[in-house]
Amino acid sequence: MLGGLWGIISTIIVGLILGVLGRLFAPGDQKIPIWLTIVVGIVAAFIGNWLAGVFGVRDTAGIDWIRHIFQIVAAVVGVIAASAIYAKVKGGNRTTA
């Protein structure tokens, strides 16, 4: 298990990847900063892992595709929610498709 500095770096990288995938699959234009995209991705990773555990598919033989799908779906929902909340806090308008 990774720990220390490498654990933090890998968590940020996974968060960035999931956040970007969430923005890619979320409808409309998300006007959120990159730091919020990373935070949403990190939270989505934890939520996706939790959901995979709930459904009993967290640890499978080979690549855990179902767990990754849960993480991406959580990232999409998180990006949509973060975009709406960020627009309200900043006072801007959220553009939708």
PDB file of N, CA and C in Angstrom:
ATOM      1  N   MET A   1       0.838  -1.184   0.000  1.00  0.00           N
ATOM      2  CA  MET A   1       0.000   0.000   0.000  1.00  0.00           C
ATOM      3  C   MET A   1       0.879   1.242   0.000  1.00  0.00           C
ATOM      4  N   LEU A   2       0.499   2.180  -0.810  1.00  0.00           N
ATOM      5  CA  LEU A   2       1.258   3.419  -0.877  1.00  0.00           C
ATOM      6  C   LEU A   2       0.970   4.285   0.332  1.00  0.00           C
ATOM      7  N   GLY A   3       1.967   4.945   0.801  1.00  0.00           N
ATOM      8  CA  GLY A   3       1.778   5.836   1.932  1.00  0.00           C
ATOM      9  C   GLY A   3       2.654   7.062   1.776  1.00  0.00           C
ATOM     10  N   GLY A   4       2.511   7.964   2.703  1.00  0.00           N
ATOM     11  CA  GLY A   4       3.343   9.150   2.710  1.00  0.00           C
ATOM     12  C   GLY A   4       3.122  10.023   1.492  1.00  0.00           C
ATOM     13  N   LEU A   5       4.218  10.556   0.995  1.00  0.00           N
ATOM     14  CA  LEU A   5       4.166  11.489  -0.129  1.00  0.00           C
ATOM     15  C   LEU A   5       3.609  10.834  -1.390  1.00  0.00           C
ATOM     16  N   TRP A   6       4.008   9.586  -1.677  1.00  0.00           N
ATOM     17  CA  TRP A   6       3.521   8.897  -2.879  1.00  0.00           C
ATOM     18  C   TRP A   6       2.031   8.626  -2.794  1.00  0.00           C
ATOM     19  N   GLY A   7       1.537   8.363  -1.602  1.00  0.00           N
ATOM     20  CA  GLY A   7       0.097   8.175  -1.412  1.00  0.00           C
ATOM     21  C   GLY A   7      -0.677   9.438  -1.728  1.00  0.00           C
ATOM     22  N   ILE A   8      -0.147  10.564  -1.297  1.00  0.00           N
ATOM     23  CA  ILE A   8      -0.795  11.851  -1.578  1.00  0.00           C
ATOM     24  C   ILE A   8      -0.751  12.153  -3.070  1.00  0.00           C
ATOM     25  N   ILE A   9       0.405  11.937  -3.682  1.00  0.00           N
ATOM     26  CA  ILE A   9       0.554  12.207  -5.118  1.00  0.00           C
ATOM     27  C   ILE A   9      -0.380  11.308  -5.935  1.00  0.00           C
ATOM     28  N   SER A  10      -0.443  10.028  -5.601  1.00  0.00           N
ATOM     29  CA  SER A  10      -1.310   9.125  -6.369  1.00  0.00           C
ATOM     30  C   SER A  10      -2.785   9.469  -6.161  1.00  0.00           C
ATOM     31  N   THR A  11      -3.152   9.911  -4.952  1.00  0.00           N
ATOM     32  CA  THR A  11      -4.529  10.318  -4.704  1.00  0.00           C
ATOM     33  C   THR A  11      -4.892  11.535  -5.544  1.00  0.00           C
ATOM     34  N   ILE A  12      -3.999  12.485  -5.660  1.00  0.00           N
ATOM     35  CA  ILE A  12      -4.247  13.675  -6.482  1.00  0.00           C
ATOM     36  C   ILE A  12      -4.355  13.300  -7.958  1.00  0.00           C
ATOM     37  N   ILE A  13      -3.493  12.402  -8.417  1.00  0.00           N
ATOM     38  CA  ILE A  13      -3.534  11.998  -9.827  1.00  0.00           C
ATOM     39  C   ILE A  13      -4.831  11.261 -10.146  1.00  0.00           C
ATOM     40  N   VAL A  14      -5.224  10.326  -9.268  1.00  0.00           N
ATOM     41  CA  VAL A  14      -6.490   9.605  -9.476  1.00  0.00           C
ATOM     42  C   VAL A  14      -7.655  10.589  -9.435  1.00  0.00           C
ATOM     43  N   GLY A  15      -7.612  11.544  -8.500  1.00  0.00           N
ATOM     44  CA  GLY A  15      -8.653  12.566  -8.419  1.00  0.00           C
ATOM     45  C   GLY A  15      -8.733  13.401  -9.676  1.00  0.00           C
ATOM     46  N   LEU A  16      -7.589  13.762 -10.218  1.00  0.00           N
ATOM     47  CA  LEU A  16      -7.564  14.539 -11.460  1.00  0.00           C
ATOM     48  C   LEU A  16      -8.173  13.743 -12.608  1.00  0.00           C
ATOM     49  N   ILE A  17      -7.780  12.489 -12.747  1.00  0.00           N
ATOM     50  CA  ILE A  17      -8.304  11.654 -13.841  1.00  0.00           C
ATOM     51  C   ILE A  17      -9.815  11.480 -13.713  1.00  0.00           C
ATOM     52  N   LEU A  18     -10.287  11.133 -12.512  1.00  0.00           N
ATOM     53  CA  LEU A  18     -11.730  10.941 -12.326  1.00  0.00           C
ATOM     54  C   LEU A  18     -12.490  12.255 -12.505  1.00  0.00           C
ATOM     55  N   GLY A  19     -11.928  13.347 -12.016  1.00  0.00           N
ATOM     56  CA  GLY A  19     -12.580  14.649 -12.180  1.00  0.00           C
ATOM     57  C   GLY A  19     -12.701  15.049 -13.642  1.00  0.00           C
ATOM     58  N   VAL A  20     -11.639  14.813 -14.400  1.00  0.00           N
ATOM     59  CA  VAL A  20     -11.673  15.134 -15.835  1.00  0.00           C
ATOM     60  C   VAL A  20     -12.681  14.245 -16.555  1.00  0.00           C
ATOM     61  N   LEU A  21     -12.721  12.962 -16.205  1.00  0.00           N
ATOM     62  CA  LEU A  21     -13.726  12.073 -16.809  1.00  0.00           C
ATOM     63  C   LEU A  21     -15.136  12.521 -16.427  1.00  0.00           C
ATOM     64  N   GLY A  22     -15.310  12.946 -15.192  1.00  0.00           N
ATOM     65  CA  GLY A  22     -16.609  13.461 -14.767  1.00  0.00           C
ATOM     66  C   GLY A  22     -17.018  14.679 -15.568  1.00  0.00           C
ATOM     67  N   ARG A  23     -16.071  15.586 -15.811  1.00  0.00           N
ATOM     68  CA  ARG A  23     -16.369  16.771 -16.627  1.00  0.00           C
ATOM     69  C   ARG A  23     -16.652  16.391 -18.077  1.00  0.00           C
ATOM     70  N   LEU A  24     -15.948  15.374 -18.572  1.00  0.00           N
ATOM     71  CA  LEU A  24     -16.136  14.930 -19.954  1.00  0.00           C
ATOM     72  C   LEU A  24     -17.542  14.376 -20.175  1.00  0.00           C
ATOM     73  N   PHE A  25     -18.025  13.590 -19.225  1.00  0.00           N
ATOM     74  CA  PHE A  25     -19.326  12.942 -19.384  1.00  0.00           C
ATOM     75  C   PHE A  25     -20.496  13.765 -18.848  1.00  0.00           C
ATOM     76  N   ALA A  26     -20.233  14.793 -18.072  1.00  0.00           N
ATOM     77  CA  ALA A  26     -21.318  15.640 -17.549  1.00  0.00           C
ATOM     78  C   ALA A  26     -21.839  16.527 -18.681  1.00  0.00           C
ATOM     79  N   PRO A  27     -23.162  16.692 -18.751  1.00  0.00           N
ATOM     80  CA  PRO A  27     -23.709  17.545 -19.815  1.00  0.00           C
ATOM     81  C   PRO A  27     -23.447  19.018 -19.545  1.00  0.00           C
ATOM     82  N   GLY A  28     -23.348  19.789 -20.598  1.00  0.00           N
ATOM     83  CA  GLY A  28     -23.199  21.241 -20.461  1.00  0.00           C
ATOM     84  C   GLY A  28     -21.770  21.670 -20.195  1.00  0.00           C
ATOM     85  N   ASP A  29     -21.637  22.938 -19.886  1.00  0.00           N
ATOM     86  CA  ASP A  29     -20.340  23.558 -19.633  1.00  0.00           C
ATOM     87  C   ASP A  29     -20.172  23.724 -18.125  1.00  0.00           C
ATOM     88  N   GLN A  30     -19.130  23.139 -17.567  1.00  0.00           N
ATOM     89  CA  GLN A  30     -18.888  23.240 -16.140  1.00  0.00           C
ATOM     90  C   GLN A  30     -17.829  24.293 -15.880  1.00  0.00           C
ATOM     91  N   LYS A  31     -18.245  25.356 -15.267  1.00  0.00           N
ATOM     92  CA  LYS A  31     -17.313  26.444 -14.981  1.00  0.00           C
ATOM     93  C   LYS A  31     -16.811  26.314 -13.546  1.00  0.00           C
ATOM     94  N   ILE A  32     -15.989  25.266 -13.343  1.00  0.00           N
ATOM     95  CA  ILE A  32     -15.377  25.062 -12.038  1.00  0.00           C
ATOM     96  C   ILE A  32     -13.863  25.020 -12.213  1.00  0.00           C
ATOM     97  N   PRO A  33     -13.122  25.474 -11.211  1.00  0.00           N
ATOM     98  CA  PRO A  33     -11.660  25.468 -11.327  1.00  0.00           C
ATOM     99  C   PRO A  33     -11.082  24.060 -11.234  1.00  0.00           C
ATOM    100  N   ILE A  34      -9.823  23.926 -11.641  1.00  0.00           N
ATOM    101  CA  ILE A  34      -9.174  22.620 -11.674  1.00  0.00           C
ATOM    102  C   ILE A  34      -9.051  22.025 -10.276  1.00  0.00           C
ATOM    103  N   TRP A  35      -8.826  22.864  -9.269  1.00  0.00           N
ATOM    104  CA  TRP A  35      -8.703  22.325  -7.908  1.00  0.00           C
ATOM    105  C   TRP A  35     -10.007  21.673  -7.464  1.00  0.00           C
ATOM    106  N   LEU A  36     -11.146  22.241  -7.867  1.00  0.00           N
ATOM    107  CA  LEU A  36     -12.434  21.661  -7.507  1.00  0.00           C
ATOM    108  C   LEU A  36     -12.688  20.372  -8.296  1.00  0.00           C
ATOM    109  N   THR A  37     -12.206  20.331  -9.515  1.00  0.00           N
ATOM    110  CA  THR A  37     -12.295  19.114 -10.326  1.00  0.00           C
ATOM    111  C   THR A  37     -11.536  17.973  -9.642  1.00  0.00           C
ATOM    112  N   ILE A  38     -10.346  18.270  -9.121  1.00  0.00           N
ATOM    113  CA  ILE A  38      -9.535  17.259  -8.433  1.00  0.00           C
ATOM    114  C   ILE A  38     -10.221  16.799  -7.154  1.00  0.00           C
ATOM    115  N   VAL A  39     -10.760  17.749  -6.376  1.00  0.00           N
ATOM    116  CA  VAL A  39     -11.449  17.394  -5.131  1.00  0.00           C
ATOM    117  C   VAL A  39     -12.655  16.506  -5.418  1.00  0.00           C
ATOM    118  N   VAL A  40     -13.422  16.865  -6.446  1.00  0.00           N
ATOM    119  CA  VAL A  40     -14.585  16.043  -6.829  1.00  0.00           C
ATOM    120  C   VAL A  40     -14.124  14.643  -7.226  1.00  0.00           C
ATOM    121  N   GLY A  41     -13.045  14.541  -7.965  1.00  0.00           N
ATOM    122  CA  GLY A  41     -12.520  13.241  -8.372  1.00  0.00           C
ATOM    123  C   GLY A  41     -12.065  12.396  -7.195  1.00  0.00           C
ATOM    124  N   ILE A  42     -11.414  13.009  -6.219  1.00  0.00           N
ATOM    125  CA  ILE A  42     -10.964  12.277  -5.031  1.00  0.00           C
ATOM    126  C   ILE A  42     -12.169  11.752  -4.253  1.00  0.00           C
ATOM    127  N   VAL A  43     -13.158  12.610  -4.045  1.00  0.00           N
ATOM    128  CA  VAL A  43     -14.367  12.192  -3.327  1.00  0.00           C
ATOM    129  C   VAL A  43     -15.092  11.094  -4.111  1.00  0.00           C
ATOM    130  N   ALA A  44     -15.137  11.232  -5.435  1.00  0.00           N
ATOM    131  CA  ALA A  44     -15.792  10.223  -6.278  1.00  0.00           C
ATOM    132  C   ALA A  44     -15.094   8.867  -6.168  1.00  0.00           C
ATOM    133  N   ALA A  45     -13.774   8.872  -6.036  1.00  0.00           N
ATOM    134  CA  ALA A  45     -13.041   7.613  -5.878  1.00  0.00           C
ATOM    135  C   ALA A  45     -13.480   6.904  -4.602  1.00  0.00           C
ATOM    136  N   PHE A  46     -13.588   7.658  -3.504  1.00  0.00           N
ATOM    137  CA  PHE A  46     -14.018   7.054  -2.243  1.00  0.00           C
ATOM    138  C   PHE A  46     -15.465   6.563  -2.326  1.00  0.00           C
ATOM    139  N   ILE A  47     -16.342   7.358  -2.931  1.00  0.00           N
ATOM    140  CA  ILE A  47     -17.746   6.967  -3.056  1.00  0.00           C
ATOM    141  C   ILE A  47     -17.880   5.738  -3.962  1.00  0.00           C
ATOM    142  N   GLY A  48     -17.160   5.731  -5.076  1.00  0.00           N
ATOM    143  CA  GLY A  48     -17.197   4.583  -5.987  1.00  0.00           C
ATOM    144  C   GLY A  48     -16.702   3.308  -5.318  1.00  0.00           C
ATOM    145  N   ASN A  49     -15.625   3.417  -4.532  1.00  0.00           N
ATOM    146  CA  ASN A  49     -15.122   2.251  -3.802  1.00  0.00           C
ATOM    147  C   ASN A  49     -16.148   1.773  -2.779  1.00  0.00           C
ATOM    148  N   TRP A  50     -16.782   2.701  -2.091  1.00  0.00           N
ATOM    149  CA  TRP A  50     -17.795   2.334  -1.102  1.00  0.00           C
ATOM    150  C   TRP A  50     -18.974   1.626  -1.777  1.00  0.00           C
ATOM    151  N   LEU A  51     -19.466   2.185  -2.892  1.00  0.00           N
ATOM    152  CA  LEU A  51     -20.578   1.562  -3.611  1.00  0.00           C
ATOM    153  C   LEU A  51     -20.212   0.170  -4.111  1.00  0.00           C
ATOM    154  N   ALA A  52     -18.987   0.013  -4.597  1.00  0.00           N
ATOM    155  CA  ALA A  52     -18.550  -1.306  -5.067  1.00  0.00           C
ATOM    156  C   ALA A  52     -18.551  -2.299  -3.906  1.00  0.00           C
ATOM    157  N   GLY A  53     -18.159  -1.855  -2.727  1.00  0.00           N
ATOM    158  CA  GLY A  53     -18.198  -2.721  -1.552  1.00  0.00           C
ATOM    159  C   GLY A  53     -19.614  -3.083  -1.160  1.00  0.00           C
ATOM    160  N   VAL A  54     -20.521  -2.106  -1.250  1.00  0.00           N
ATOM    161  CA  VAL A  54     -21.926  -2.355  -0.925  1.00  0.00           C
ATOM    162  C   VAL A  54     -22.513  -3.411  -1.855  1.00  0.00           C
ATOM    163  N   PHE A  55     -22.173  -3.327  -3.131  1.00  0.00           N
ATOM    164  CA  PHE A  55     -22.706  -4.278  -4.114  1.00  0.00           C
ATOM    165  C   PHE A  55     -21.861  -5.549  -4.239  1.00  0.00           C
ATOM    166  N   GLY A  56     -20.808  -5.649  -3.445  1.00  0.00           N
ATOM    167  CA  GLY A  56     -19.996  -6.870  -3.424  1.00  0.00           C
ATOM    168  C   GLY A  56     -19.096  -7.054  -4.619  1.00  0.00           C
ATOM    169  N   VAL A  57     -18.718  -5.983  -5.292  1.00  0.00           N
ATOM    170  CA  VAL A  57     -17.859  -6.105  -6.477  1.00  0.00           C
ATOM    171  C   VAL A  57     -16.571  -5.292  -6.331  1.00  0.00           C
ATOM    172  N   ARG A  58     -16.177  -5.009  -5.110  1.00  0.00           N
ATOM    173  CA  ARG A  58     -14.990  -4.177  -4.898  1.00  0.00           C
ATOM    174  C   ARG A  58     -13.715  -4.891  -5.336  1.00  0.00           C
ATOM    175  N   ASP A  59     -13.585  -6.152  -4.991  1.00  0.00           N
ATOM    176  CA  ASP A  59     -12.395  -6.929  -5.345  1.00  0.00           C
ATOM    177  C   ASP A  59     -12.796  -8.082  -6.253  1.00  0.00           C
ATOM    178  N   THR A  60     -12.369  -7.987  -7.505  1.00  0.00           N
ATOM    179  CA  THR A  60     -12.668  -9.032  -8.479  1.00  0.00           C
ATOM    180  C   THR A  60     -11.364  -9.491  -9.113  1.00  0.00           C
ATOM    181  N   ALA A  61     -11.417 -10.588  -9.827  1.00  0.00           N
ATOM    182  CA  ALA A  61     -10.236 -11.055 -10.544  1.00  0.00           C
ATOM    183  C   ALA A  61      -9.980 -10.126 -11.731  1.00  0.00           C
ATOM    184  N   GLY A  62      -8.774  -9.661 -11.858  1.00  0.00           N
ATOM    185  CA  GLY A  62      -8.441  -8.761 -12.968  1.00  0.00           C
ATOM    186  C   GLY A  62      -8.770  -7.317 -12.644  1.00  0.00           C
ATOM    187  N   ILE A  63      -9.096  -6.568 -13.668  1.00  0.00           N
ATOM    188  CA  ILE A  63      -9.398  -5.138 -13.513  1.00  0.00           C
ATOM    189  C   ILE A  63     -10.814  -5.001 -12.966  1.00  0.00           C
ATOM    190  N   ASP A  64     -10.974  -4.137 -11.988  1.00  0.00           N
ATOM    191  CA  ASP A  64     -12.276  -3.935 -11.343  1.00  0.00           C
ATOM    192  C   ASP A  64     -13.104  -2.924 -12.141  1.00  0.00           C
ATOM    193  N   TRP A  65     -13.612  -3.357 -13.282  1.00  0.00           N
ATOM    194  CA  TRP A  65     -14.330  -2.454 -14.178  1.00  0.00           C
ATOM    195  C   TRP A  65     -15.576  -1.863 -13.531  1.00  0.00           C
ATOM    196  N   ILE A  66     -16.306  -2.681 -12.791  1.00  0.00           N
ATOM    197  CA  ILE A  66     -17.551  -2.199 -12.180  1.00  0.00           C
ATOM    198  C   ILE A  66     -17.238  -1.118 -11.148  1.00  0.00           C
ATOM    199  N   ARG A  67     -16.172  -1.318 -10.372  1.00  0.00           N
ATOM    200  CA  ARG A  67     -15.765  -0.302  -9.390  1.00  0.00           C
ATOM    201  C   ARG A  67     -15.407   1.002 -10.095  1.00  0.00           C
ATOM    202  N   HIS A  68     -14.709   0.902 -11.211  1.00  0.00           N
ATOM    203  CA  HIS A  68     -14.332   2.105 -11.954  1.00  0.00           C
ATOM    204  C   HIS A  68     -15.558   2.813 -12.533  1.00  0.00           C
ATOM    205  N   ILE A  69     -16.534   2.049 -12.971  1.00  0.00           N
ATOM    206  CA  ILE A  69     -17.774   2.655 -13.475  1.00  0.00           C
ATOM    207  C   ILE A  69     -18.495   3.393 -12.354  1.00  0.00           C
ATOM    208  N   PHE A  70     -18.546   2.788 -11.165  1.00  0.00           N
ATOM    209  CA  PHE A  70     -19.135   3.477 -10.013  1.00  0.00           C
ATOM    210  C   PHE A  70     -18.395   4.792  -9.735  1.00  0.00           C
ATOM    211  N   GLN A  71     -17.072   4.769  -9.820  1.00  0.00           N
ATOM    212  CA  GLN A  71     -16.281   5.973  -9.566  1.00  0.00           C
ATOM    213  C   GLN A  71     -16.567   7.056 -10.604  1.00  0.00           C
ATOM    214  N   ILE A  72     -16.667   6.675 -11.865  1.00  0.00           N
ATOM    215  CA  ILE A  72     -16.920   7.657 -12.921  1.00  0.00           C
ATOM    216  C   ILE A  72     -18.323   8.246 -12.783  1.00  0.00           C
ATOM    217  N   VAL A  73     -19.300   7.408 -12.489  1.00  0.00           N
ATOM    218  CA  VAL A  73     -20.668   7.909 -12.290  1.00  0.00           C
ATOM    219  C   VAL A  73     -20.705   8.873 -11.110  1.00  0.00           C
ATOM    220  N   ALA A  74     -20.012   8.530 -10.032  1.00  0.00           N
ATOM    221  CA  ALA A  74     -19.946   9.430  -8.877  1.00  0.00           C
ATOM    222  C   ALA A  74     -19.264  10.742  -9.256  1.00  0.00           C
ATOM    223  N   ALA A  75     -18.258  10.680 -10.115  1.00  0.00           N
ATOM    224  CA  ALA A  75     -17.570  11.896 -10.562  1.00  0.00           C
ATOM    225  C   ALA A  75     -18.487  12.773 -11.412  1.00  0.00           C
ATOM    226  N   VAL A  76     -19.275  12.158 -12.289  1.00  0.00           N
ATOM    227  CA  VAL A  76     -20.220  12.925 -13.118  1.00  0.00           C
ATOM    228  C   VAL A  76     -21.234  13.651 -12.227  1.00  0.00           C
ATOM    229  N   VAL A  77     -21.819  12.909 -11.285  1.00  0.00           N
ATOM    230  CA  VAL A  77     -22.790  13.512 -10.371  1.00  0.00           C
ATOM    231  C   VAL A  77     -22.117  14.610  -9.544  1.00  0.00           C
ATOM    232  N   GLY A  78     -20.900  14.346  -9.093  1.00  0.00           N
ATOM    233  CA  GLY A  78     -20.170  15.338  -8.309  1.00  0.00           C
ATOM    234  C   GLY A  78     -19.844  16.594  -9.087  1.00  0.00           C
ATOM    235  N   VAL A  79     -19.453  16.447 -10.340  1.00  0.00           N
ATOM    236  CA  VAL A  79     -19.147  17.618 -11.175  1.00  0.00           C
ATOM    237  C   VAL A  79     -20.405  18.446 -11.415  1.00  0.00           C
ATOM    238  N   ILE A  80     -21.517  17.794 -11.681  1.00  0.00           N
ATOM    239  CA  ILE A  80     -22.777  18.523 -11.893  1.00  0.00           C
ATOM    240  C   ILE A  80     -23.157  19.290 -10.630  1.00  0.00           C
ATOM    241  N   ALA A  81     -23.063  18.617  -9.477  1.00  0.00           N
ATOM    242  CA  ALA A  81     -23.403  19.275  -8.211  1.00  0.00           C
ATOM    243  C   ALA A  81     -22.424  20.406  -7.891  1.00  0.00           C
ATOM    244  N   ALA A  82     -21.139  20.148  -8.067  1.00  0.00           N
ATOM    245  CA  ALA A  82     -20.130  21.172  -7.777  1.00  0.00           C
ATOM    246  C   ALA A  82     -20.287  22.377  -8.689  1.00  0.00           C
ATOM    247  N   SER A  83     -20.622  22.143  -9.940  1.00  0.00           N
ATOM    248  CA  SER A  83     -20.817  23.239 -10.890  1.00  0.00           C
ATOM    249  C   SER A  83     -21.988  24.125 -10.474  1.00  0.00           C
ATOM    250  N   ALA A  84     -23.080  23.497 -10.051  1.00  0.00           N
ATOM    251  CA  ALA A  84     -24.254  24.258  -9.621  1.00  0.00           C
ATOM    252  C   ALA A  84     -23.956  25.048  -8.340  1.00  0.00           C
ATOM    253  N   ILE A  85     -23.302  24.389  -7.391  1.00  0.00           N
ATOM    254  CA  ILE A  85     -22.992  25.057  -6.119  1.00  0.00           C
ATOM    255  C   ILE A  85     -21.982  26.173  -6.335  1.00  0.00           C
ATOM    256  N   TYR A  86     -20.957  25.914  -7.129  1.00  0.00           N
ATOM    257  CA  TYR A  86     -19.921  26.916  -7.387  1.00  0.00           C
ATOM    258  C   TYR A  86     -20.508  28.139  -8.087  1.00  0.00           C
ATOM    259  N   ALA A  87     -21.430  27.913  -9.012  1.00  0.00           N
ATOM    260  CA  ALA A  87     -22.070  29.034  -9.713  1.00  0.00           C
ATOM    261  C   ALA A  87     -22.881  29.879  -8.740  1.00  0.00           C
ATOM    262  N   LYS A  88     -23.572  29.237  -7.801  1.00  0.00           N
ATOM    263  CA  LYS A  88     -24.359  29.990  -6.814  1.00  0.00           C
ATOM    264  C   LYS A  88     -23.467  30.780  -5.881  1.00  0.00           C
ATOM    265  N   VAL A  89     -22.364  30.164  -5.437  1.00  0.00           N
ATOM    266  CA  VAL A  89     -21.445  30.841  -4.519  1.00  0.00           C
ATOM    267  C   VAL A  89     -20.765  32.011  -5.229  1.00  0.00           C
ATOM    268  N   LYS A  90     -20.370  31.814  -6.454  1.00  0.00           N
ATOM    269  CA  LYS A  90     -19.696  32.871  -7.213  1.00  0.00           C
ATOM    270  C   LYS A  90     -20.675  33.880  -7.804  1.00  0.00           C
ATOM    271  N   GLY A  91     -21.955  33.553  -7.815  1.00  0.00           N
ATOM    272  CA  GLY A  91     -22.955  34.478  -8.341  1.00  0.00           C
ATOM    273  C   GLY A  91     -23.080  34.454  -9.848  1.00  0.00           C
ATOM    274  N   GLY A  92     -22.465  33.480 -10.492  1.00  0.00           N
ATOM    275  CA  GLY A  92     -22.540  33.391 -11.947  1.00  0.00           C
ATOM    276  C   GLY A  92     -23.703  32.529 -12.385  1.00  0.00           C
ATOM    277  N   ASN A  93     -23.834  32.411 -13.689  1.00  0.00           N
ATOM    278  CA  ASN A  93     -24.887  31.559 -14.261  1.00  0.00           C
ATOM    279  C   ASN A  93     -24.255  30.248 -14.705  1.00  0.00           C
ATOM    280  N   ARG A  94     -24.939  29.156 -14.454  1.00  0.00           N
ATOM    281  CA  ARG A  94     -24.480  27.840 -14.899  1.00  0.00           C
ATOM    282  C   ARG A  94     -25.099  27.574 -16.252  1.00  0.00           C
ATOM    283  N   THR A  95     -24.257  27.291 -17.218  1.00  0.00           N
ATOM    284  CA  THR A  95     -24.720  27.015 -18.572  1.00  0.00           C
ATOM    285  C   THR A  95     -25.001  25.529 -18.707  1.00  0.00           C
ATOM    286  N   THR A  96     -26.153  25.182 -19.266  1.00  0.00           N
ATOM    287  CA  THR A  96     -26.489  23.779 -19.478  1.00  0.00           C
ATOM    288  C   THR A  96     -26.721  23.524 -20.963  1.00  0.00           C
ATOM    289  N   ALA A  97     -26.561  22.287 -21.339  1.00  0.00           N
ATOM    290  CA  ALA A  97     -26.757  21.910 -22.752  1.00  0.00           C
ATOM    291  C   ALA A  97     -28.211  21.662 -23.035  1.00  0.00           C
TER     292      ALA A  97
END
